[in-house]
Amino acid sequence: MSWRDYRMLAADVQRLRPLAAIVLAIVLLLPSLAETITGNLPFVTLLFRLALALALSGVLVWIVTGVVLHYARVQAQSGPDRRSKRDIEP
């Protein structure tokens, strides 16, 4: 991976982190939303669960994307230096 590719990936990850966290929170909240619509769950409880889902999904997305960016950075740093002896000698 080149540094240019890494920078483009890092920019995309930074831009899409909030969207990924919100989508994951909504997916986590769908069962509670269904319960609220049917009247089995109070609206205040739904809002509390929404806050918890946003916090949890934000942390999870941040951790996963941090690991991906770390791995990509390692690949970008070792990119030009990955030539083996077999590649140098005929």
Protein backbone atom coordinates (compact mmCIF):
# COMPACT_ATOMS: atom_id res chain seq x y z
CA MET A 1 0.00 0.00 0.00
CA SER A 2 1.38 3.39 -0.91
CA TRP A 3 1.22 6.45 1.32
CA ARG A 4 -1.19 8.05 -1.12
CA ASP A 5 -3.56 5.09 -0.78
CA TYR A 6 -3.21 5.21 3.00
CA ARG A 7 -4.02 8.91 3.14
CA MET A 8 -7.08 8.41 0.94
CA LEU A 9 -8.23 5.51 3.14
CA ALA A 10 -7.67 7.54 6.31
CA ALA A 11 -9.64 10.47 4.91
CA ASP A 12 -12.53 8.20 3.92
CA VAL A 13 -12.54 6.51 7.32
CA GLN A 14 -12.56 9.86 9.13
CA ARG A 15 -15.41 11.06 6.95
CA LEU A 16 -17.53 7.90 7.27
CA ARG A 17 -17.01 7.07 10.98
CA PRO A 18 -20.03 9.10 12.19
CA LEU A 19 -22.29 7.65 9.51
CA ALA A 20 -21.24 4.10 10.37
CA ALA A 21 -21.88 4.74 14.08
CA ILE A 22 -25.36 6.14 13.40
CA VAL A 23 -26.32 3.27 11.08
CA LEU A 24 -25.11 0.70 13.62
CA ALA A 25 -27.04 2.45 16.40
CA ILE A 26 -30.24 2.41 14.33
CA VAL A 27 -29.79 -1.28 13.57
CA LEU A 28 -29.29 -1.96 17.28
CA LEU A 29 -32.39 0.09 18.09
CA LEU A 30 -34.82 -1.51 15.62
CA PRO A 31 -36.31 -4.04 18.11
CA SER A 32 -36.90 -1.28 20.66
CA LEU A 33 -38.46 0.91 17.98
CA ALA A 34 -40.87 -1.88 17.10
CA GLU A 35 -41.81 -2.26 20.78
CA THR A 36 -42.40 1.50 21.07
CA ILE A 37 -44.64 1.50 18.00
CA THR A 38 -46.76 -1.32 19.44
CA GLY A 39 -47.02 0.53 22.76
CA ASN A 40 -45.08 -1.95 24.89
CA LEU A 41 -42.13 0.38 25.54
CA PRO A 42 -42.28 4.01 26.74
CA PHE A 43 -40.81 6.68 24.47
CA VAL A 44 -38.41 7.87 27.18
CA THR A 45 -36.94 4.39 27.40
CA LEU A 46 -36.47 4.39 23.63
CA LEU A 47 -34.56 7.68 23.86
CA PHE A 48 -32.39 6.29 26.65
CA ARG A 49 -31.64 3.20 24.57
CA LEU A 50 -30.86 5.44 21.59
CA ALA A 51 -28.28 7.33 23.64
CA LEU A 52 -26.72 4.07 24.81
CA ALA A 53 -26.74 2.62 21.30
CA LEU A 54 -25.05 5.74 19.90
CA ALA A 55 -22.37 5.62 22.59
CA LEU A 56 -21.74 1.90 22.16
CA SER A 57 -21.71 1.98 18.38
CA GLY A 58 -19.48 5.06 18.36
CA VAL A 59 -16.91 3.32 20.55
CA LEU A 60 -17.07 0.10 18.53
CA VAL A 61 -16.72 1.89 15.19
CA TRP A 62 -13.84 3.97 16.56
CA ILE A 63 -11.99 0.86 17.78
CA VAL A 64 -12.51 -1.15 14.59
CA THR A 65 -11.53 1.67 12.28
CA GLY A 66 -8.53 2.45 14.47
CA VAL A 67 -7.30 -1.12 14.08
CA VAL A 68 -7.87 -0.98 10.32
CA LEU A 69 -5.98 2.32 10.03
CA HIS A 70 -3.13 0.98 12.16
CA TYR A 71 -2.80 -2.09 9.94
CA ALA A 72 -2.95 0.11 6.81
CA ARG A 73 -0.27 2.42 8.26
CA VAL A 74 2.00 -0.56 8.95
CA GLN A 75 1.47 -1.76 5.38
CA ALA A 76 2.21 1.70 3.99
CA GLN A 77 5.40 2.01 6.05
CA SER A 78 6.71 -1.38 5.01
CA GLY A 79 5.63 -1.05 1.38
CA PRO A 80 8.91 -0.09 -0.33
CA ASP A 81 11.02 -2.07 2.15
CA ARG A 82 9.34 -5.42 1.49
CA ARG A 83 11.81 -6.59 -1.14
CA SER A 84 13.31 -9.92 -0.27
CA LYS A 85 16.75 -11.25 -1.13
CA ARG A 86 15.25 -13.28 -3.93
CA ASP A 87 13.96 -10.08 -5.59
CA ILE A 88 17.39 -8.42 -5.42
CA GLU A 89 19.54 -11.35 -6.63
CA PRO A 90 19.02 -12.79 -10.11
